[in-house]
N, C-alpha and C. Protein backbone atom coordinates (compact mmCIF):
# COMPACT_ATOMS: atom_id res chain seq x y z
N MET A 1 25.84 20.13 16.81
CA MET A 1 24.46 19.53 16.78
C MET A 1 23.69 20.48 18.12
N THR A 2 22.55 20.52 17.63
CA THR A 2 21.63 21.32 18.73
C THR A 2 21.01 20.41 19.60
N THR A 3 20.69 20.57 20.78
CA THR A 3 20.00 20.07 22.03
C THR A 3 18.93 19.44 21.28
N GLU A 4 18.06 20.17 20.59
CA GLU A 4 16.85 19.58 19.96
C GLU A 4 17.03 18.50 18.94
N THR A 5 18.03 18.66 18.07
CA THR A 5 18.55 17.53 17.03
C THR A 5 18.68 16.41 17.88
N SER A 6 19.86 16.53 19.06
CA SER A 6 20.27 15.30 19.83
C SER A 6 18.87 14.51 20.52
N LEU A 7 17.88 15.36 20.79
CA LEU A 7 16.63 14.80 21.44
C LEU A 7 16.09 14.12 20.49
N ASN A 8 15.88 14.62 19.22
CA ASN A 8 15.07 13.87 18.66
C ASN A 8 15.90 12.63 17.77
N GLU A 9 17.07 12.79 17.75
CA GLU A 9 17.83 11.52 17.38
C GLU A 9 17.88 10.43 18.37
N THR A 10 17.94 10.74 19.74
CA THR A 10 17.75 9.91 20.90
C THR A 10 16.37 9.32 20.81
N PHE A 11 15.20 10.14 20.53
CA PHE A 11 14.22 9.52 20.67
C PHE A 11 13.63 8.53 19.65
N LEU A 12 14.18 9.02 18.30
CA LEU A 12 13.98 8.09 17.28
C LEU A 12 14.81 6.69 17.36
N THR A 13 15.86 6.86 18.08
CA THR A 13 16.73 5.65 18.48
C THR A 13 16.02 4.72 19.32
N GLU A 14 15.52 5.41 20.33
CA GLU A 14 14.71 4.60 21.33
C GLU A 14 13.42 4.00 20.71
N PHE A 15 12.67 4.76 19.68
CA PHE A 15 11.70 4.38 19.28
C PHE A 15 11.97 2.94 18.48
N ILE A 16 12.83 3.15 17.55
CA ILE A 16 13.28 1.99 16.59
C ILE A 16 13.52 0.71 17.49
N ASP A 17 14.47 1.05 18.63
CA ASP A 17 14.82 -0.33 19.49
C ASP A 17 13.47 -0.80 20.03
N ASP A 18 12.58 0.17 20.26
CA ASP A 18 11.23 -0.40 21.14
C ASP A 18 10.36 -1.19 19.94
N LEU A 19 10.69 -0.81 18.79
CA LEU A 19 9.85 -1.42 17.66
C LEU A 19 10.29 -2.61 17.39
N TYR A 20 11.61 -3.00 17.29
CA TYR A 20 12.24 -4.40 16.98
C TYR A 20 11.70 -5.23 18.21
N ALA A 21 11.87 -4.57 19.51
CA ALA A 21 11.48 -5.58 20.80
C ALA A 21 10.50 -5.84 20.68
N GLU A 22 9.26 -5.04 20.26
CA GLU A 22 7.88 -5.46 20.20
C GLU A 22 7.71 -6.30 18.78
N TYR A 23 8.60 -6.41 17.62
CA TYR A 23 8.27 -7.46 16.81
C TYR A 23 8.89 -8.81 17.59
N ASP A 24 10.07 -8.66 17.78
CA ASP A 24 10.60 -9.73 18.43
C ASP A 24 9.64 -10.69 19.36
N GLU A 25 8.91 -9.74 20.27
CA GLU A 25 8.04 -10.41 21.50
C GLU A 25 6.69 -11.01 20.58
N ARG A 26 6.31 -10.39 19.56
CA ARG A 26 4.86 -10.90 19.02
C ARG A 26 5.12 -12.04 18.22
N LEU A 27 6.24 -11.92 17.39
CA LEU A 27 6.94 -13.12 16.74
C LEU A 27 7.13 -14.42 17.54
N GLY A 28 7.59 -14.27 18.67
CA GLY A 28 8.00 -15.30 19.67
C GLY A 28 6.72 -15.88 19.97
N LEU A 29 5.58 -14.99 20.32
CA LEU A 29 4.18 -15.41 20.44
C LEU A 29 3.51 -15.96 19.28
N VAL A 30 3.69 -15.77 18.28
CA VAL A 30 3.28 -16.39 16.86
C VAL A 30 3.57 -17.52 17.02
N ARG A 31 5.06 -17.96 17.09
CA ARG A 31 5.89 -19.10 16.90
C ARG A 31 5.28 -20.14 18.14
N ARG A 32 4.95 -19.57 19.21
CA ARG A 32 4.43 -20.63 20.08
C ARG A 32 2.94 -21.15 19.79
N ASP A 33 2.37 -19.99 19.48
CA ASP A 33 0.65 -20.45 19.12
C ASP A 33 0.87 -21.28 17.90
N LEU A 34 1.87 -21.10 16.83
CA LEU A 34 1.95 -22.07 15.63
C LEU A 34 2.05 -23.58 15.91
N LEU A 35 3.13 -23.72 17.18
CA LEU A 35 3.49 -24.96 17.61
C LEU A 35 2.15 -25.69 18.25
N ALA A 36 1.60 -24.98 18.82
CA ALA A 36 0.67 -25.48 19.41
C ALA A 36 -0.71 -25.61 18.62
N LEU A 37 -0.81 -25.05 17.69
CA LEU A 37 -1.98 -25.25 16.68
C LEU A 37 -1.62 -26.48 15.64
N GLU A 38 -0.55 -26.89 15.67
CA GLU A 38 0.14 -27.99 14.75
C GLU A 38 -0.60 -29.20 15.05
N ALA A 39 -1.00 -29.40 16.43
CA ALA A 39 -1.80 -30.43 16.82
C ALA A 39 -3.11 -30.55 16.15
N PHE A 40 -3.61 -29.72 15.53
CA PHE A 40 -5.19 -29.55 15.05
C PHE A 40 -5.01 -30.05 13.56
N VAL A 41 -3.82 -30.18 12.97
CA VAL A 41 -4.11 -30.19 11.50
C VAL A 41 -4.96 -31.43 11.11
N ASN A 42 -5.64 -31.10 10.08
CA ASN A 42 -6.68 -32.20 9.69
C ASN A 42 -7.56 -32.86 10.83
N GLN A 43 -7.74 -32.19 11.89
CA GLN A 43 -8.99 -32.21 12.64
C GLN A 43 -10.04 -31.50 12.66
N PRO A 44 -11.31 -31.95 13.21
CA PRO A 44 -12.44 -31.33 12.90
C PRO A 44 -12.69 -29.83 13.36
N HIS A 45 -11.84 -29.77 14.75
CA HIS A 45 -12.13 -28.33 15.37
C HIS A 45 -10.52 -27.83 15.83
N LEU A 46 -10.44 -26.73 15.92
CA LEU A 46 -9.25 -26.00 16.35
C LEU A 46 -9.46 -25.43 17.70
N ASP A 47 -8.36 -25.03 18.19
CA ASP A 47 -8.04 -24.35 19.53
C ASP A 47 -8.52 -22.57 19.03
N LYS A 48 -9.57 -22.36 19.60
CA LYS A 48 -10.06 -20.92 19.32
C LYS A 48 -9.22 -20.08 19.74
N SER A 49 -9.03 -20.33 21.06
CA SER A 49 -8.12 -19.53 21.90
C SER A 49 -6.61 -19.02 21.19
N ARG A 50 -6.04 -20.11 20.36
CA ARG A 50 -4.85 -19.91 19.98
C ARG A 50 -5.17 -19.18 18.61
N LEU A 51 -5.96 -19.54 17.83
CA LEU A 51 -6.34 -18.62 16.80
C LEU A 51 -6.61 -17.18 17.05
N ASP A 52 -7.37 -16.93 18.20
CA ASP A 52 -7.37 -15.49 18.45
C ASP A 52 -6.24 -14.93 18.80
N GLY A 53 -5.08 -15.63 19.72
CA GLY A 53 -4.08 -15.20 19.96
C GLY A 53 -3.13 -14.86 18.83
N LEU A 54 -3.08 -15.71 17.85
CA LEU A 54 -2.44 -15.50 16.42
C LEU A 54 -3.08 -14.51 15.82
N LEU A 55 -4.28 -14.46 15.66
CA LEU A 55 -4.75 -13.38 14.95
C LEU A 55 -4.46 -11.75 15.62
N ARG A 56 -4.65 -11.72 16.87
CA ARG A 56 -4.05 -10.53 17.64
C ARG A 56 -2.39 -10.06 17.34
N ASN A 57 -1.90 -11.22 17.50
CA ASN A 57 -0.34 -10.80 17.29
C ASN A 57 -0.03 -10.59 15.86
N LEU A 58 -0.45 -11.34 15.13
CA LEU A 58 -0.24 -10.73 13.34
C LEU A 58 -0.84 -9.63 13.24
N HIS A 59 -1.98 -9.15 14.02
CA HIS A 59 -2.50 -8.08 13.37
C HIS A 59 -1.70 -6.76 14.11
N THR A 60 -1.21 -6.92 15.32
CA THR A 60 -0.26 -6.22 15.76
C THR A 60 1.04 -5.82 14.89
N LEU A 61 1.47 -6.96 14.40
CA LEU A 61 2.73 -6.91 13.58
C LEU A 61 2.52 -6.20 12.52
N LYS A 62 1.25 -6.61 11.81
CA LYS A 62 0.66 -5.81 10.74
C LYS A 62 0.88 -4.18 10.92
N GLY A 63 0.34 -3.94 11.93
CA GLY A 63 0.40 -2.37 12.20
C GLY A 63 1.58 -1.65 12.55
N LEU A 64 2.62 -2.74 13.28
CA LEU A 64 3.99 -2.09 13.42
C LEU A 64 4.57 -1.93 12.01
N SER A 65 4.19 -2.77 11.07
CA SER A 65 4.92 -2.70 9.61
C SER A 65 4.42 -1.39 8.94
N GLY A 66 3.00 -1.23 9.18
CA GLY A 66 2.26 -0.13 8.53
C GLY A 66 3.04 1.38 9.20
N THR A 67 3.54 1.17 10.54
CA THR A 67 3.95 2.34 11.17
C THR A 67 5.49 2.78 10.18
N ILE A 68 6.01 1.74 9.95
CA ILE A 68 7.42 1.91 9.34
C ILE A 68 7.42 1.97 7.70
N ASN A 69 6.33 1.73 7.31
CA ASN A 69 5.99 1.84 5.70
C ASN A 69 6.57 0.44 5.29
N LEU A 70 6.76 -0.59 5.91
CA LEU A 70 6.87 -1.99 5.65
C LEU A 70 5.93 -2.83 4.81
N LYS A 71 6.05 -2.21 3.71
CA LYS A 71 4.74 -2.72 2.77
C LYS A 71 4.90 -4.57 2.90
N GLU A 72 5.93 -5.20 2.46
CA GLU A 72 5.75 -6.48 2.26
C GLU A 72 5.26 -7.36 3.57
N ALA A 73 5.90 -7.02 4.57
CA ALA A 73 5.70 -7.32 6.11
C ALA A 73 4.16 -7.20 6.32
N GLU A 74 3.62 -6.16 5.94
CA GLU A 74 2.22 -5.72 6.19
C GLU A 74 1.26 -6.75 5.41
N GLN A 75 1.74 -6.85 4.05
CA GLN A 75 0.85 -7.70 3.38
C GLN A 75 0.92 -9.01 3.56
N LEU A 76 2.31 -9.41 3.88
CA LEU A 76 2.31 -10.90 4.44
C LEU A 76 1.44 -11.16 5.68
N ALA A 77 1.55 -10.43 6.84
CA ALA A 77 0.85 -10.44 8.04
C ALA A 77 -0.78 -10.36 7.50
N HIS A 78 -1.04 -9.46 6.66
CA HIS A 78 -2.41 -9.69 6.49
C HIS A 78 -2.74 -10.82 5.64
N GLN A 79 -2.24 -11.30 4.69
CA GLN A 79 -2.34 -12.77 4.17
C GLN A 79 -2.61 -13.99 5.35
N LEU A 80 -1.61 -13.76 6.45
CA LEU A 80 -1.66 -14.72 7.34
C LEU A 80 -2.93 -14.59 8.35
N GLU A 81 -3.29 -13.24 8.44
CA GLU A 81 -4.70 -13.16 9.21
C GLU A 81 -5.93 -13.50 8.45
N ASN A 82 -5.91 -13.36 7.00
CA ASN A 82 -6.81 -13.92 6.17
C ASN A 82 -7.20 -15.30 6.39
N TYR A 83 -6.02 -16.02 6.10
CA TYR A 83 -6.40 -17.54 6.32
C TYR A 83 -6.94 -18.05 7.89
N LEU A 84 -6.12 -17.40 8.83
CA LEU A 84 -6.57 -17.70 10.47
C LEU A 84 -8.04 -17.05 10.52
N ARG A 85 -8.46 -16.08 9.72
CA ARG A 85 -9.90 -15.85 9.91
C ARG A 85 -10.81 -16.81 9.31
N ALA A 86 -10.20 -17.33 8.03
CA ALA A 86 -10.97 -18.45 7.42
C ALA A 86 -11.36 -19.57 8.17
N LEU A 87 -10.09 -19.84 8.79
CA LEU A 87 -9.93 -21.04 9.90
C LEU A 87 -11.01 -20.99 11.10
N ARG A 88 -10.93 -19.55 11.57
CA ARG A 88 -11.75 -19.31 13.10
C ARG A 88 -13.13 -19.36 12.47
N GLN A 89 -13.57 -18.90 11.29
CA GLN A 89 -15.19 -19.13 10.63
C GLN A 89 -15.61 -20.26 10.33
N GLU A 90 -14.53 -21.25 10.09
CA GLU A 90 -14.76 -22.42 9.61
C GLU A 90 -15.20 -22.69 8.27
N GLN A 91 -14.62 -21.64 7.43
CA GLN A 91 -14.53 -21.43 6.11
C GLN A 91 -13.98 -22.40 5.32
N THR A 92 -12.61 -23.04 6.02
CA THR A 92 -11.82 -23.89 5.54
C THR A 92 -11.11 -24.73 6.56
N SER A 93 -10.49 -25.75 6.60
CA SER A 93 -10.08 -26.43 7.74
C SER A 93 -8.53 -26.42 7.45
N LEU A 94 -7.93 -26.61 8.56
CA LEU A 94 -6.44 -26.94 8.97
C LEU A 94 -5.86 -28.08 8.10
N SER A 95 -5.38 -27.81 6.98
CA SER A 95 -4.78 -28.92 6.14
C SER A 95 -3.26 -28.74 6.57
N SER A 96 -2.48 -29.96 6.26
CA SER A 96 -0.82 -30.03 6.47
C SER A 96 -0.41 -28.78 5.13
N GLU A 97 -1.08 -28.47 4.11
CA GLU A 97 -0.71 -27.41 3.16
C GLU A 97 -0.72 -26.08 4.02
N GLY A 98 -1.81 -26.06 4.64
CA GLY A 98 -2.11 -24.82 5.20
C GLY A 98 -1.18 -24.47 6.55
N MET A 99 -0.85 -25.27 7.37
CA MET A 99 0.10 -25.54 8.57
C MET A 99 1.35 -24.91 7.79
N GLU A 100 1.82 -25.49 6.71
CA GLU A 100 3.09 -25.48 6.05
C GLU A 100 3.18 -24.03 5.35
N ALA A 101 2.11 -23.52 4.97
CA ALA A 101 1.77 -22.11 4.35
C ALA A 101 2.01 -20.95 5.51
N LEU A 102 1.50 -21.41 6.93
CA LEU A 102 1.51 -20.53 7.87
C LEU A 102 2.95 -20.66 8.37
N ILE A 103 3.63 -21.69 8.48
CA ILE A 103 4.87 -21.75 9.12
C ILE A 103 5.90 -20.78 8.27
N THR A 104 5.64 -21.41 6.92
CA THR A 104 6.63 -20.72 6.06
C THR A 104 6.26 -19.06 5.98
N GLY A 105 5.27 -18.65 6.14
CA GLY A 105 4.46 -17.28 5.95
C GLY A 105 5.46 -16.51 7.31
N VAL A 106 5.09 -17.18 8.65
CA VAL A 106 5.86 -16.54 9.36
C VAL A 106 7.36 -16.46 9.40
N LYS A 107 7.95 -17.53 9.08
CA LYS A 107 9.54 -17.50 8.50
C LYS A 107 9.84 -16.41 7.68
N ILE A 108 9.25 -16.08 6.68
CA ILE A 108 9.29 -15.10 5.54
C ILE A 108 9.24 -13.76 6.31
N LEU A 109 8.23 -13.78 7.07
CA LEU A 109 7.64 -12.58 7.88
C LEU A 109 8.86 -11.94 8.82
N GLU A 110 9.46 -13.06 9.46
CA GLU A 110 10.71 -12.93 10.17
C GLU A 110 11.89 -12.39 9.31
N GLN A 111 12.28 -13.06 8.36
CA GLN A 111 13.39 -12.68 7.28
C GLN A 111 12.98 -11.26 6.71
N VAL A 112 11.92 -10.87 6.42
CA VAL A 112 11.30 -9.50 5.67
C VAL A 112 12.15 -8.54 6.93
N ILE A 113 11.50 -8.66 7.97
CA ILE A 113 11.69 -7.65 9.22
C ILE A 113 13.00 -7.54 9.73
N ALA A 114 13.91 -8.67 9.56
CA ALA A 114 15.14 -8.59 9.92
C ALA A 114 15.92 -8.22 8.80
N ALA A 115 15.58 -8.29 7.70
CA ALA A 115 16.34 -7.66 6.31
C ALA A 115 16.21 -6.01 6.49
N TYR A 116 15.03 -5.82 6.68
CA TYR A 116 14.82 -4.42 6.73
C TYR A 116 15.46 -3.96 7.79
N GLN A 117 15.60 -4.37 9.09
CA GLN A 117 16.25 -3.77 10.00
C GLN A 117 17.86 -3.71 9.84
N ALA A 118 18.48 -4.79 9.14
CA ALA A 118 19.80 -4.95 8.66
C ALA A 118 20.00 -3.77 7.40
N GLN A 119 18.81 -3.21 6.91
CA GLN A 119 18.72 -2.42 5.58
C GLN A 119 19.61 -3.05 4.50
N SER A 120 19.21 -4.66 4.17
CA SER A 120 19.68 -5.13 3.24
C SER A 120 18.42 -5.52 2.45
N SER A 121 18.70 -6.29 1.34
CA SER A 121 17.47 -6.73 0.27
C SER A 121 16.44 -7.45 1.22
N LEU A 122 15.06 -7.24 0.81
CA LEU A 122 14.07 -8.04 1.51
C LEU A 122 13.91 -9.43 0.50
N PRO A 123 13.64 -10.43 1.26
CA PRO A 123 13.51 -11.51 0.57
C PRO A 123 12.08 -11.35 -0.07
N ASP A 124 11.69 -12.31 -1.28
CA ASP A 124 10.50 -12.02 -2.03
C ASP A 124 9.54 -13.01 -1.24
N THR A 125 8.27 -12.23 -1.17
CA THR A 125 6.98 -13.02 -0.41
C THR A 125 5.96 -13.40 -1.17
N ALA A 126 6.21 -13.31 -2.61
CA ALA A 126 5.01 -13.54 -3.73
C ALA A 126 4.77 -15.13 -3.41
N SER A 127 5.52 -16.24 -3.56
CA SER A 127 5.08 -17.40 -3.42
C SER A 127 4.53 -17.80 -2.18
N VAL A 128 4.89 -17.16 -1.14
CA VAL A 128 4.09 -17.42 0.04
C VAL A 128 2.68 -16.79 0.20
N VAL A 129 2.71 -15.68 -0.40
CA VAL A 129 1.43 -14.94 -0.32
C VAL A 129 0.43 -16.00 -1.31
N ALA A 130 1.05 -16.46 -2.15
CA ALA A 130 0.16 -17.16 -3.03
C ALA A 130 -0.44 -18.35 -2.24
N ALA A 131 0.66 -19.14 -2.02
CA ALA A 131 0.19 -20.08 -0.92
C ALA A 131 -1.06 -20.07 -0.18
N LEU A 132 -0.86 -18.74 0.99
CA LEU A 132 -1.71 -18.69 2.02
C LEU A 132 -2.81 -18.36 1.37
N THR A 133 -3.04 -17.44 0.08
CA THR A 133 -4.09 -17.09 -0.88
C THR A 133 -4.90 -18.42 -1.31
N THR A 134 -4.21 -19.43 -1.56
CA THR A 134 -4.70 -20.74 -2.06
C THR A 134 -5.55 -21.33 -1.15
N VAL A 135 -4.94 -21.55 0.18
CA VAL A 135 -5.20 -22.47 1.37
C VAL A 135 -6.46 -21.72 1.81
N THR A 136 -6.39 -20.24 1.90
CA THR A 136 -7.59 -19.62 2.45
C THR A 136 -8.84 -19.93 1.88
N ALA A 137 -8.42 -20.15 0.34
CA ALA A 137 -9.92 -20.34 -0.67
C ALA A 137 -10.00 -21.73 -0.46
N GLY A 138 -9.40 -22.58 0.32
CA GLY A 138 -9.75 -24.07 0.61
C GLY A 138 -9.63 -24.84 -0.54
N THR A 139 -8.64 -24.61 -1.73
CA THR A 139 -8.34 -25.18 -2.84
C THR A 139 -6.74 -25.81 -2.73
N PRO A 140 -6.84 -27.36 -3.13
CA PRO A 140 -5.46 -27.48 -2.91
C PRO A 140 -4.34 -26.78 -3.54
N LEU A 141 -3.13 -27.07 -2.90
CA LEU A 141 -1.86 -26.37 -3.48
C LEU A 141 -1.55 -27.06 -4.66
N PRO A 142 -1.05 -26.39 -5.96
CA PRO A 142 -0.33 -26.98 -7.02
C PRO A 142 0.76 -27.66 -6.74
N GLY A 143 0.80 -28.77 -7.09
CA GLY A 143 2.07 -29.61 -6.57
C GLY A 143 2.80 -30.30 -7.48
């Protein structure tokens, strides 16, 4: 093995380790802010700073996912962002269904990232994407 090959492999390993550390940090912040946001279900006003924090962290997660071409995580983070933007712009309110969709979406996002890291099959994101799309539109979930 050449020195250049060894340096490239070392760089790539460190990059991947840093990437997953960033994922873990951002997901921890998202979980924290979701817990705080739960107090605002069915309330007329939300904590805008929490929404802004969630949007920033999900945007970063979406970007990280794009960096490694993890489309499922990128799409899911995008749908989570869409709902949070609709809440931020008061186009819809935070219902219990919406909160559940956010929590489930973040759990599935974590599972997608973990599965990708473990090089195993990715969980299906279609149902949670559909739920997020529905609550973003402000219509009740079918039930």
